C-alpha atoms as a PDB file:
ATOM      1  CA  MET A   1     -96.126 -39.122 -92.902  1.00  0.00           C
ATOM      2  CA  ALA A   2     -95.590 -42.198 -90.530  1.00  0.00           C
ATOM      3  CA  ILE A   3     -92.199 -43.392 -90.692  1.00  0.00           C
ATOM      4  CA  LEU A   4     -91.439 -46.943 -89.248  1.00  0.00           C
ATOM      5  CA  LEU A   5     -87.747 -47.577 -88.648  1.00  0.00           C
ATOM      6  CA  ASN A   6     -85.942 -51.060 -88.684  1.00  0.00           C
ATOM      7  CA  THR A   7     -83.933 -50.713 -85.667  1.00  0.00           C
ATOM      8  CA  LYS A   8     -81.354 -53.309 -86.730  1.00  0.00           C
ATOM      9  CA  THR A   9     -80.837 -52.191 -90.276  1.00  0.00           C
ATOM     10  CA  LYS A  10     -81.613 -48.537 -89.904  1.00  0.00           C
ATOM     11  CA  GLN A  11     -83.970 -49.073 -92.962  1.00  0.00           C
ATOM     12  CA  SER A  12     -86.899 -46.537 -92.519  1.00  0.00           C
ATOM     13  CA  ILE A  13     -90.196 -46.395 -94.744  1.00  0.00           C
ATOM     14  CA  THR A  14     -93.181 -44.345 -95.141  1.00  0.00           C
ATOM     15  CA  LEU A  15     -96.345 -45.708 -94.505  1.00  0.00           C
ATOM     16  CA  ARG A  16     -98.917 -46.014 -97.195  1.00  0.00           C
ATOM     17  CA  ASN A  17    -102.700 -46.409 -96.468  1.00  0.00           C
ATOM     18  CA  PRO A  18    -103.030 -49.629 -96.251  1.00  0.00           C
ATOM     19  CA  HIS A  19     -99.461 -50.641 -95.921  1.00  0.00           C
ATOM     20  CA  VAL A  20     -99.011 -54.486 -96.323  1.00  0.00           C
ATOM     21  CA  PHE A  21     -96.287 -56.565 -94.641  1.00  0.00           C
ATOM     22  CA  GLY A  22     -95.299 -60.101 -95.853  1.00  0.00           C
ATOM     23  CA  ARG A  23     -93.253 -62.595 -97.555  1.00  0.00           C
ATOM     24  CA  SER A  24     -94.952 -62.270-101.028  1.00  0.00           C
ATOM     25  CA  PRO A  25     -93.535 -59.850-103.226  1.00  0.00           C
ATOM     26  CA  ILE A  26     -96.548 -59.306-104.987  1.00  0.00           C
ATOM     27  CA  SER A  27     -98.784 -58.497-102.382  1.00  0.00           C
ATOM     28  CA  SER A  28     -96.571 -56.917 -99.932  1.00  0.00           C
ATOM     29  CA  ASN A  29     -95.612 -53.213 -99.440  1.00  0.00           C
ATOM     30  CA  THR A  30     -92.503 -54.004 -97.421  1.00  0.00           C
ATOM     31  CA  LEU A  31     -91.192 -57.525 -97.687  1.00  0.00           C
ATOM     32  CA  LEU A  32     -90.500 -59.804 -94.495  1.00  0.00           C
ATOM     33  CA  ASN A  33     -87.574 -62.184 -94.557  1.00  0.00           C
ATOM     34  CA  ASP A  34     -88.188 -63.971 -91.635  1.00  0.00           C
ATOM     35  CA  THR A  35     -89.324 -67.863 -92.192  1.00  0.00           C
ATOM     36  CA  ASN A  36     -92.026 -67.471 -89.451  1.00  0.00           C
ATOM     37  CA  ALA A  37     -93.777 -64.673 -91.517  1.00  0.00           C
ATOM     38  CA  SER A  38     -96.710 -65.414 -93.527  1.00  0.00           C
ATOM     39  CA  ARG A  39     -97.025 -64.229 -97.419  1.00  0.00           C
ATOM     40  CA  VAL A  40     -99.506 -61.665 -95.992  1.00  0.00           C
ATOM     41  CA  HIS A  41     -98.532 -61.311 -92.944  1.00  0.00           C
ATOM     42  CA  SER A  42    -100.533 -58.019 -91.320  1.00  0.00           C
ATOM     43  CA  SER A  43    -101.253 -54.566 -92.377  1.00  0.00           C
ATOM     44  CA  ILE A  44    -101.225 -50.987 -91.040  1.00  0.00           C
ATOM     45  CA  HIS A  45    -104.457 -48.652 -91.795  1.00  0.00           C
ATOM     46  CA  TRP A  46    -104.999 -45.114 -91.150  1.00  0.00           C
ATOM     47  CA  ASN A  47    -108.624 -44.445 -90.086  1.00  0.00           C
ATOM     48  CA  SER A  48    -109.019 -40.534 -90.312  1.00  0.00           C
ATOM     49  CA  SER A  49    -107.449 -40.287 -86.690  1.00  0.00           C
ATOM     50  CA  TYR A  50    -104.608 -42.786 -86.049  1.00  0.00           C
ATOM     51  CA  TRP A  51    -102.880 -45.879 -87.180  1.00  0.00           C
ATOM     52  CA  LEU A  52    -103.953 -49.352 -86.516  1.00  0.00           C
ATOM     53  CA  LEU A  53    -102.620 -52.732 -87.348  1.00  0.00           C
ATOM     54  CA  GLN A  54    -104.589 -56.007 -88.293  1.00  0.00           C
ATOM     55  CA  ASP A  55    -102.620 -59.190 -87.836  1.00  0.00           C
ATOM     56  CA  SER A  56    -103.579 -61.936 -90.647  1.00  0.00           C
ATOM     57  CA  SER A  57    -100.669 -64.408 -89.937  1.00  0.00           C
ATOM     58  CA  THR A  58    -100.170 -67.902 -88.809  1.00  0.00           C
ATOM     59  CA  ASN A  59     -97.458 -66.943 -86.266  1.00  0.00           C
ATOM     60  CA  GLY A  60     -98.630 -63.499 -84.983  1.00  0.00           C
ATOM     61  CA  SER A  61     -97.677 -59.865 -84.747  1.00  0.00           C
ATOM     62  CA  PHE A  62     -96.501 -58.145 -81.716  1.00  0.00           C
ATOM     63  CA  ILE A  63     -96.782 -54.777 -80.301  1.00  0.00           C
ATOM     64  CA  ASN A  64     -94.430 -53.874 -77.808  1.00  0.00           C
ATOM     65  CA  LYS A  65     -93.693 -57.670 -77.343  1.00  0.00           C
ATOM     66  CA  THR A  66     -97.331 -58.719 -76.696  1.00  0.00           C
ATOM     67  CA  ARG A  67     -99.055 -60.834 -79.196  1.00  0.00           C
ATOM     68  CA  VAL A  68    -102.211 -58.859 -80.761  1.00  0.00           C
ATOM     69  CA  THR A  69    -105.563 -60.774 -81.309  1.00  0.00           C
ATOM     70  CA  LYS A  70    -105.699 -62.088 -85.227  1.00  0.00           C
ATOM     71  CA  SER A  71    -108.139 -59.750 -87.367  1.00  0.00           C
ATOM     72  CA  ILE A  72    -108.730 -57.484 -84.528  1.00  0.00           C
ATOM     73  CA  MET A  73    -107.331 -53.933 -85.593  1.00  0.00           C
ATOM     74  CA  LYS A  74    -105.074 -52.588 -82.677  1.00  0.00           C
ATOM     75  CA  ARG A  75    -104.141 -48.591 -82.397  1.00  0.00           C
ATOM     76  CA  LEU A  76    -100.518 -47.641 -82.668  1.00  0.00           C
ATOM     77  CA  LYS A  77     -98.805 -45.114 -81.171  1.00  0.00           C
ATOM     78  CA  GLN A  78     -95.541 -43.077 -81.684  1.00  0.00           C
ATOM     79  CA  GLY A  79     -92.768 -44.913 -80.134  1.00  0.00           C
ATOM     80  CA  ASP A  80     -94.395 -48.525 -80.478  1.00  0.00           C
ATOM     81  CA  THR A  81     -92.191 -51.668 -81.472  1.00  0.00           C
ATOM     82  CA  LEU A  82     -93.602 -54.121 -84.107  1.00  0.00           C
ATOM     83  CA  ASN A  83     -92.594 -57.773 -84.715  1.00  0.00           C
ATOM     84  CA  PHE A  84     -93.748 -59.997 -87.253  1.00  0.00           C
ATOM     85  CA  GLY A  85     -93.575 -63.896 -86.936  1.00  0.00           C
ATOM     86  CA  ASP A  86     -92.040 -64.089 -83.742  1.00  0.00           C
ATOM     87  CA  LEU A  87     -90.023 -61.578 -80.982  1.00  0.00           C
ATOM     88  CA  ASN A  88     -86.780 -62.734 -82.551  1.00  0.00           C
ATOM     89  CA  SER A  89     -87.725 -61.197 -85.696  1.00  0.00           C
ATOM     90  CA  GLU A  90     -86.451 -58.059 -86.694  1.00  0.00           C
ATOM     91  CA  THR A  91     -87.862 -54.743 -84.708  1.00  0.00           C
ATOM     92  CA  TRP A  92     -89.840 -52.087 -86.351  1.00  0.00           C
ATOM     93  CA  GLN A  93     -90.450 -48.896 -84.444  1.00  0.00           C
ATOM     94  CA  LEU A  94     -92.875 -46.256 -85.391  1.00  0.00           C
ATOM     95  CA  ILE A  95     -91.126 -43.011 -84.831  1.00  0.00           C
ATOM     96  CA  ASP A  96     -93.458 -40.847 -86.766  1.00  0.00           C
ATOM     97  CA  ASP A  97     -97.459 -41.700 -86.623  1.00  0.00           C
ATOM     98  CA  SER A  98     -98.596 -38.490 -88.238  1.00  0.00           C
ATOM     99  CA  GLU A  99    -101.109 -38.959 -90.862  1.00  0.00           C
ATOM    100  CA  PRO A 100    -100.403 -40.435 -94.259  1.00  0.00           C
ATOM    101  CA  LYS A 101    -100.029 -37.750 -97.479  1.00  0.00           C
ATOM    102  CA  SER A 102    -100.873 -38.601-101.180  1.00  0.00           C
ATOM    103  CA  MET A 103     -97.341 -39.075-102.633  1.00  0.00           C
ATOM    104  CA  LEU A 104     -95.871 -39.863-106.104  1.00  0.00           C
ATOM    105  CA  ILE A 105     -93.282 -42.357-105.831  1.00  0.00           C
ATOM    106  CA  PRO A 106     -90.597 -42.845-108.378  1.00  0.00           C
ATOM    107  CA  LEU A 107     -89.795 -46.083-110.215  1.00  0.00           C
ATOM    108  CA  ASP A 108     -86.338 -45.067-110.582  1.00  0.00           C
ATOM    109  CA  LYS A 109     -85.294 -46.111-106.944  1.00  0.00           C
ATOM    110  CA  ASP A 110     -82.687 -43.317-106.980  1.00  0.00           C
ATOM    111  CA  SER A 111     -85.315 -40.711-107.046  1.00  0.00           C
ATOM    112  CA  ALA A 112     -86.977 -39.209-103.827  1.00  0.00           C
ATOM    113  CA  SER A 113     -90.912 -39.469-103.287  1.00  0.00           C
ATOM    114  CA  ILE A 114     -92.947 -36.384-103.500  1.00  0.00           C
ATOM    115  CA  GLU A 115     -95.696 -35.383-101.208  1.00  0.00           C
ATOM    116  CA  LEU A 116     -98.735 -33.896-103.141  1.00  0.00           C
ATOM    117  CA  THR A 117     -99.726 -30.417-102.101  1.00  0.00           C
ATOM    118  CA  ASN A 118    -101.614 -27.759-103.888  1.00  0.00           C
ATOM    119  CA  VAL A 119    -100.485 -27.894-107.663  1.00  0.00           C
ATOM    120  CA  PHE A 120     -97.512 -29.922-108.555  1.00  0.00           C
ATOM    121  CA  VAL A 121     -96.053 -30.652-112.289  1.00  0.00           C
ATOM    122  CA  LEU A 122     -93.583 -33.347-113.672  1.00  0.00           C
ATOM    123  CA  PRO A 123     -91.219 -33.332-114.589  1.00  0.00           C
ATOM    124  CA  ASN A 124     -90.249 -29.641-113.496  1.00  0.00           C
ATOM    125  CA  GLU A 125     -91.762 -26.032-113.385  1.00  0.00           C
ATOM    126  CA  ASN A 126     -89.737 -25.168-116.574  1.00  0.00           C
ATOM    127  CA  ALA A 127     -90.817 -28.170-118.714  1.00  0.00           C
ATOM    128  CA  PRO A 128     -94.462 -29.200-117.044  1.00  0.00           C
ATOM    129  CA  GLU A 129     -95.757 -32.039-118.822  1.00  0.00           C
ATOM    130  CA  VAL A 130     -98.152 -33.467-116.355  1.00  0.00           C
ATOM    131  CA  THR A 131    -100.435 -31.506-113.847  1.00  0.00           C
ATOM    132  CA  PHE A 132    -101.587 -32.718-110.316  1.00  0.00           C
ATOM    133  CA  TYR A 133    -104.198 -30.683-108.345  1.00  0.00           C
ATOM    134  CA  LEU A 134    -106.868 -31.510-106.062  1.00  0.00           C
ATOM    135  CA  SER A 135    -110.701 -31.496-107.216  1.00  0.00           C
ATOM    136  CA  PRO A 136    -113.201 -29.821-104.636  1.00  0.00           C
ATOM    137  CA  GLU A 137    -114.334 -33.421-103.910  1.00  0.00           C
ATOM    138  CA  TYR A 138    -110.849 -34.128-102.631  1.00  0.00           C
ATOM    139  CA  ARG A 139    -109.514 -36.510-105.287  1.00  0.00           C
ATOM    140  CA  TRP A 140    -106.318 -35.934-107.034  1.00  0.00           C
ATOM    141  CA  LEU A 141    -106.300 -35.093-110.813  1.00  0.00           C
ATOM    142  CA  CYS A 142    -103.924 -35.860-113.584  1.00  0.00           C
ATOM    143  CA  GLU A 143    -103.728 -33.374-116.213  1.00  0.00           C
ATOM    144  CA  SER A 144    -101.748 -34.300-119.374  1.00  0.00           C
ATOM    145  CA  LYS A 145    -102.147 -33.857-123.244  1.00  0.00           C
ATOM    146  CA  THR A 146    -104.476 -37.046-123.456  1.00  0.00           C
ATOM    147  CA  GLY A 147    -106.673 -35.461-120.598  1.00  0.00           C
ATOM    148  CA  THR A 148    -107.506 -35.177-117.166  1.00  0.00           C
ATOM    149  CA  VAL A 149    -108.334 -38.556-114.913  1.00  0.00           C
ATOM    150  CA  VAL A 150    -108.857 -39.273-111.379  1.00  0.00           C
ATOM    151  CA  LEU A 151    -105.992 -40.677-109.792  1.00  0.00           C
ATOM    152  CA  ASN A 152    -106.303 -43.901-107.763  1.00  0.00           C
ATOM    153  CA  SER A 153    -103.558 -45.598-105.706  1.00  0.00           C
ATOM    154  CA  GLY A 154    -101.298 -47.598-107.965  1.00  0.00           C
ATOM    155  CA  ASP A 155    -101.772 -45.862-111.093  1.00  0.00           C
ATOM    156  CA  ASN A 156     -98.765 -45.164-112.994  1.00  0.00           C
ATOM    157  CA  ILE A 157     -97.696 -41.847-114.515  1.00  0.00           C
ATOM    158  CA  GLN A 158     -95.100 -41.366-117.534  1.00  0.00           C
ATOM    159  CA  THR A 159     -92.912 -38.506-118.349  1.00  0.00           C
ATOM    160  CA  SER A 160     -89.991 -37.997-120.537  1.00  0.00           C
ATOM    161  CA  THR A 161     -87.918 -38.078-117.658  1.00  0.00           C
ATOM    162  CA  GLY A 162     -89.187 -41.236-115.817  1.00  0.00           C
ATOM    163  CA  ASP A 163     -92.032 -42.847-114.574  1.00  0.00           C
ATOM    164  CA  TRP A 164     -93.975 -42.545-111.055  1.00  0.00           C
ATOM    165  CA  TYR A 165     -96.824 -44.208-109.661  1.00  0.00           C
ATOM    166  CA  PHE A 166     -99.626 -42.654-107.272  1.00  0.00           C
ATOM    167  CA  VAL A 167    -100.205 -43.328-103.598  1.00  0.00           C
ATOM    168  CA  GLY A 168    -103.443 -41.936-102.845  1.00  0.00           C
ATOM    169  CA  ASN A 169    -104.794 -40.903 -99.114  1.00  0.00           C
ATOM    170  CA  TYR A 170    -108.571 -39.843 -99.240  1.00  0.00           C
ATOM    171  CA  PRO A 171    -109.981 -38.839 -96.032  1.00  0.00           C
ATOM    172  CA  VAL A 172    -113.304 -40.795 -95.794  1.00  0.00           C
ATOM    173  CA  ASP A 173    -115.381 -38.042 -94.086  1.00  0.00           C
ATOM    174  CA  GLU A 174    -113.216 -35.273 -95.295  1.00  0.00           C
ATOM    175  CA  THR A 175    -115.253 -31.750 -95.528  1.00  0.00           C
ATOM    176  CA  CYS A 176    -114.055 -30.047 -98.791  1.00  0.00           C
ATOM    177  CA  PHE A 177    -115.055 -26.546 -98.019  1.00  0.00           C
ATOM    178  CA  VAL A 178    -114.557 -25.038 -94.297  1.00  0.00           C
ATOM    179  CA  ASN A 179    -113.278 -21.483 -92.978  1.00  0.00           C
ATOM    180  CA  HIS A 180    -115.233 -18.485 -94.775  1.00  0.00           C
ATOM    181  CA  PHE A 181    -117.567 -20.711 -96.886  1.00  0.00           C
ATOM    182  CA  HIS A 182    -120.730 -22.141 -96.436  1.00  0.00           C
ATOM    183  CA  GLN A 183    -120.727 -25.916 -96.809  1.00  0.00           C
ATOM    184  CA  ASP A 184    -124.016 -26.391 -98.488  1.00  0.00           C
ATOM    185  CA  GLU A 185    -123.865 -23.858-101.234  1.00  0.00           C
ATOM    186  CA  SER A 186    -121.898 -24.001-104.547  1.00  0.00           C
ATOM    187  CA  LEU A 187    -119.062 -21.453-104.252  1.00  0.00           C
ATOM    188  CA  THR A 188    -119.326 -18.526-106.614  1.00  0.00           C
ATOM    189  CA  ILE A 189    -116.233 -17.251-108.246  1.00  0.00           C
ATOM    190  CA  LYS A 190    -115.948 -13.650-110.073  1.00  0.00           C
ATOM    191  CA  ALA A 191    -113.041 -12.304-111.605  1.00  0.00           C
ATOM    192  CA  GLU A 192    -112.368  -8.696-112.087  1.00  0.00           C
ATOM    193  CA  PHE A 193    -109.454  -7.550-114.734  1.00  0.00           C
ATOM    194  CA  THR A 194    -107.913  -4.214-114.664  1.00  0.00           C
ATOM    195  CA  VAL A 195    -105.786  -3.607-117.823  1.00  0.00           C
ATOM    196  CA  SER A 196    -103.741  -0.574-118.778  1.00  0.00           C
ATOM    197  CA  GLN A 197    -104.302   0.749-122.382  1.00  0.00           C
ATOM    198  CA  ASN A 198    -101.034  -0.750-123.827  1.00  0.00           C
ATOM    199  CA  GLU A 199    -101.756  -4.008-122.068  1.00  0.00           C
ATOM    200  CA  GLU A 200     -98.603  -4.235-120.569  1.00  0.00           C
ATOM    201  CA  HIS A 201    -100.098  -4.247-116.898  1.00  0.00           C
ATOM    202  CA  VAL A 202    -103.038  -6.741-116.235  1.00  0.00           C
ATOM    203  CA  TYR A 203    -104.495  -6.866-112.744  1.00  0.00           C
ATOM    204  CA  ILE A 204    -106.929  -9.412-111.274  1.00  0.00           C
ATOM    205  CA  SER A 205    -108.892  -9.739-108.269  1.00  0.00           C
ATOM    206  CA  LEU A 206    -110.966 -12.752-107.485  1.00  0.00           C
ATOM    207  CA  THR A 207    -114.394 -12.570-105.624  1.00  0.00           C
ATOM    208  CA  ILE A 208    -114.991 -15.659-103.650  1.00  0.00           C
ATOM    209  CA  GLU A 209    -118.413 -15.524-101.984  1.00  0.00           C
ATOM    210  CA  ASP A 210    -117.480 -12.475 -99.790  1.00  0.00           C
ATOM    211  CA  LYS A 211    -114.027 -12.577 -99.740  1.00  0.00           C
ATOM    212  CA  ILE A 212    -111.583 -10.688-102.113  1.00  0.00           C
ATOM    213  CA  ILE A 213    -108.470 -11.909-103.254  1.00  0.00           C
ATOM    214  CA  ASP A 214    -105.810  -9.390-104.985  1.00  0.00           C
ATOM    215  CA  LEU A 215    -103.838 -11.345-107.064  1.00  0.00           C
ATOM    216  CA  GLY A 216    -101.876  -8.299-107.994  1.00  0.00           C
ATOM    217  CA  ARG A 217    -100.139  -7.956-111.464  1.00  0.00           C
ATOM    218  CA  LYS A 218     -98.296 -10.927-113.009  1.00  0.00           C
ATOM    219  CA  SER A 219     -96.558 -11.707-116.630  1.00  0.00           C
ATOM    220  CA  HIS A 220     -98.894 -14.779-116.871  1.00  0.00           C
ATOM    221  CA  HIS A 221    -102.217 -12.681-116.078  1.00  0.00           C
ATOM    222  CA  TYR A 222    -102.289 -11.700-119.867  1.00  0.00           C
ATOM    223  CA  LEU A 223    -102.842 -15.212-120.974  1.00  0.00           C
ATOM    224  CA  VAL A 224    -105.835 -15.408-118.521  1.00  0.00           C
ATOM    225  CA  LEU A 225    -107.043 -11.765-119.643  1.00  0.00           C
ATOM    226  CA  VAL A 226    -107.362 -13.614-123.279  1.00  0.00           C
ATOM    227  CA  LEU A 227    -109.249 -16.632-122.368  1.00  0.00           C
ATOM    228  CA  ALA A 228    -111.475 -13.905-119.965  1.00  0.00           C
ATOM    229  CA  ARG A 229    -112.265 -12.194-123.212  1.00  0.00           C
ATOM    230  CA  LYS A 230    -113.401 -15.470-125.157  1.00  0.00           C
ATOM    231  CA  TRP A 231    -115.236 -16.173-121.904  1.00  0.00           C
ATOM    232  CA  GLN A 232    -117.063 -12.681-122.180  1.00  0.00           C
ATOM    233  CA  GLU A 233    -117.791 -13.036-126.232  1.00  0.00           C
ATOM    234  CA  ASP A 234    -119.179 -16.455-125.989  1.00  0.00           C
ATOM    235  CA  LYS A 235    -121.469 -14.964-122.925  1.00  0.00           C
ATOM    236  CA  ILE A 236    -122.683 -12.333-125.171  1.00  0.00           C
ATOM    237  CA  ASN A 237    -123.520 -14.795-127.811  1.00  0.00           C
ATOM    238  CA  ASN A 238    -125.589 -16.763-125.538  1.00  0.00           C
ATOM    239  CA  ILE A 239    -122.964 -19.740-125.799  1.00  0.00           C
ATOM    240  CA  GLN A 240    -124.328 -22.516-123.194  1.00  0.00           C
ATOM    241  CA  ASN A 241    -122.165 -22.630-120.248  1.00  0.00           C
ATOM    242  CA  SER A 242    -120.690 -26.116-120.673  1.00  0.00           C
ATOM    243  CA  GLU A 243    -118.986 -24.747-124.141  1.00  0.00           C
ATOM    244  CA  ARG A 244    -118.593 -21.200-123.327  1.00  0.00           C
ATOM    245  CA  GLY A 245    -114.821 -19.757-123.297  1.00  0.00           C
ATOM    246  CA  TRP A 246    -113.112 -22.651-124.953  1.00  0.00           C
ATOM    247  CA  LEU A 247    -110.028 -21.601-126.948  1.00  0.00           C
ATOM    248  CA  ASP A 248    -107.799 -24.304-129.444  1.00  0.00           C
ATOM    249  CA  LYS A 249    -104.412 -24.205-127.762  1.00  0.00           C
ATOM    250  CA  ALA A 250    -102.821 -24.130-130.898  1.00  0.00           C
ATOM    251  CA  LEU A 251    -104.551 -21.059-132.050  1.00  0.00           C
ATOM    252  CA  LEU A 252    -103.910 -19.264-128.727  1.00  0.00           C
ATOM    253  CA  CYS A 253    -100.389 -19.932-128.719  1.00  0.00           C
ATOM    254  CA  LYS A 254    -100.068 -18.836-132.458  1.00  0.00           C
ATOM    255  CA  GLU A 255    -101.821 -15.664-131.110  1.00  0.00           C
ATOM    256  CA  LEU A 256     -99.633 -15.030-128.116  1.00  0.00           C
ATOM    257  CA  ILE A 257     -96.595 -15.760-130.342  1.00  0.00           C
ATOM    258  CA  ILE A 258     -95.267 -18.449-127.391  1.00  0.00           C
ATOM    259  CA  THR A 259     -94.896 -22.406-127.224  1.00  0.00           C
ATOM    260  CA  GLU A 260     -97.142 -24.778-125.879  1.00  0.00           C
ATOM    261  CA  GLN A 261     -94.745 -25.444-123.173  1.00  0.00           C
ATOM    262  CA  TYR A 262     -94.302 -21.781-122.359  1.00  0.00           C
ATOM    263  CA  MET A 263     -98.162 -21.662-122.145  1.00  0.00           C
ATOM    264  CA  ASN A 264     -98.127 -24.747-119.691  1.00  0.00           C
ATOM    265  CA  ILE A 265     -95.484 -22.956-117.590  1.00  0.00           C
ATOM    266  CA  GLN A 266     -98.067 -19.719-117.556  1.00  0.00           C
ATOM    267  CA  ILE A 267    -101.055 -22.182-116.543  1.00  0.00           C
ATOM    268  CA  TYR A 268     -99.104 -23.706-113.738  1.00  0.00           C
ATOM    269  CA  ARG A 269     -97.995 -20.325-112.346  1.00  0.00           C
ATOM    270  CA  PHE A 270    -101.439 -19.033-112.227  1.00  0.00           C
ATOM    271  CA  ARG A 271    -103.057 -21.828-110.633  1.00  0.00           C
ATOM    272  CA  LYS A 272    -100.084 -21.974-108.335  1.00  0.00           C
ATOM    273  CA  GLN A 273    -100.729 -18.336-107.590  1.00  0.00           C
ATOM    274  CA  VAL A 274    -104.367 -18.764-106.620  1.00  0.00           C
ATOM    275  CA  ALA A 275    -103.858 -22.096-104.730  1.00  0.00           C
ATOM    276  CA  SER A 276    -101.297 -20.146-102.632  1.00  0.00           C
ATOM    277  CA  PHE A 277    -104.052 -17.964-101.142  1.00  0.00           C
ATOM    278  CA  MET A 278    -106.560 -20.883-100.107  1.00  0.00           C
ATOM    279  CA  SER A 279    -106.037 -22.648 -97.080  1.00  0.00           C
ATOM    280  CA  GLU A 280    -105.238 -26.401 -97.356  1.00  0.00           C
ATOM    281  CA  ALA A 281    -109.200 -27.099 -95.992  1.00  0.00           C
ATOM    282  CA  THR A 282    -110.285 -24.766 -98.938  1.00  0.00           C
ATOM    283  CA  ILE A 283    -110.458 -26.554-102.231  1.00  0.00           C
ATOM    284  CA  LEU A 284    -111.489 -24.630-105.412  1.00  0.00           C
ATOM    285  CA  PRO A 285    -112.336 -25.424-108.864  1.00  0.00           C
ATOM    286  CA  GLN A 286    -109.135 -25.253-110.828  1.00  0.00           C
ATOM    287  CA  PRO A 287    -109.472 -21.647-112.300  1.00  0.00           C
ATOM    288  CA  ILE A 288    -108.190 -22.956-115.923  1.00  0.00           C
ATOM    289  CA  LYS A 289    -109.597 -26.281-117.216  1.00  0.00           C
ATOM    290  CA  ARG A 290    -108.189 -28.270-120.106  1.00  0.00           C
ATOM    291  CA  ARG A 291    -109.925 -30.927-122.716  1.00  0.00           C
ATOM    292  CA  PHE A 292    -108.327 -32.274-125.581  1.00  0.00           C
ATOM    293  CA  GLY A 293    -106.487 -29.398-127.792  1.00  0.00           C
ATOM    294  CA  GLU A 294    -108.851 -27.064-125.887  1.00  0.00           C
ATOM    295  CA  ILE A 295    -108.238 -24.501-122.990  1.00  0.00           C
ATOM    296  CA  ARG A 296    -110.969 -22.194-120.781  1.00  0.00           C
ATOM    297  CA  ILE A 297    -111.286 -20.287-117.697  1.00  0.00           C
ATOM    298  CA  THR A 298    -113.848 -21.666-115.014  1.00  0.00           C
ATOM    299  CA  PHE A 299    -115.103 -18.505-113.547  1.00  0.00           C
ATOM    300  CA  ASP A 300    -118.461 -17.846-112.748  1.00  0.00           C
ATOM    301  CA  ASP A 301    -118.628 -14.252-113.848  1.00  0.00           C
ATOM    302  CA  VAL A 302    -115.926 -11.931-115.504  1.00  0.00           C
ATOM    303  CA  ASN A 303    -115.515  -8.204-115.520  1.00  0.00           C
ATOM    304  CA  ILE A 304    -113.118  -6.432-117.571  1.00  0.00           C
ATOM    305  CA  ILE A 305    -112.081  -2.845-116.877  1.00  0.00           C
ATOM    306  CA  GLY A 306    -109.725  -0.962-119.408  1.00  0.00           C
ATOM    307  CA  GLY A 307    -107.515  -2.123-122.175  1.00  0.00           C
ATOM    308  CA  ALA A 308    -106.535  -1.284-125.419  1.00  0.00           C
ATOM    309  CA  ILE A 309    -108.996   1.000-127.427  1.00  0.00           C
ATOM    310  CA  LEU A 310    -110.095  -1.032-130.619  1.00  0.00           C
END
């Protein structure tokens, strides 16, 4: 994440994309107190490779003490100094010019901002209320009891312990799938479950195209097994794909004798486990999907070996 440092006050700010400087508290991400600064003075943008400054002021913006041409974007480099309004205004230095990240910013100023990577939950892993994850289209999704929505910069997220707003960084020409996979084909994900007779041990392996991922044995795999059995049952009964495998969450919790909060913890752990095997450039569909009051797995095929003899 790119960081600007105020060389006088030692205040540091993390650049958003875009990041607006000015005297207007409504329009600006960083307020300028100098009387020579305009209400919307200038903005800094990320173009997928580097940062650019665009001046829109009356009195000008300066990079390394040289005034930039108004409305012309000027590249910024690490170590550059910035002044807004005149050279006697406070000096800001770009001490980090790395790319922006999608973040959660707390409305409570005492809390730290959170950089989003892979799968994340609020308020914490032991009491998940809201889940964040990337879609294959490289958009951040927010999942809660009310449903799943695509996040846009500025969206508010409410939790029982505090409120946040989302700052997104969506690369313009980002390729969603690279490395082992073909870009022009849909990914086929198959799941194989190996289950002990007493069902105490559930092993899962995933096959994604020609790549096999061994997830081993985890306690949260039994929940996934129950969902997989429902998916298999619906397939045998020729239920259409869009409706296959859905289970009522309340009935599922009753069957497994667990609370919904504990179920959410297990879902999070499975999602996080799968995500840990993927590279940052490989974004898969979430293995577990929700809709209001219901839940299902999203695999293309399921094979279950072993389990209790009924």
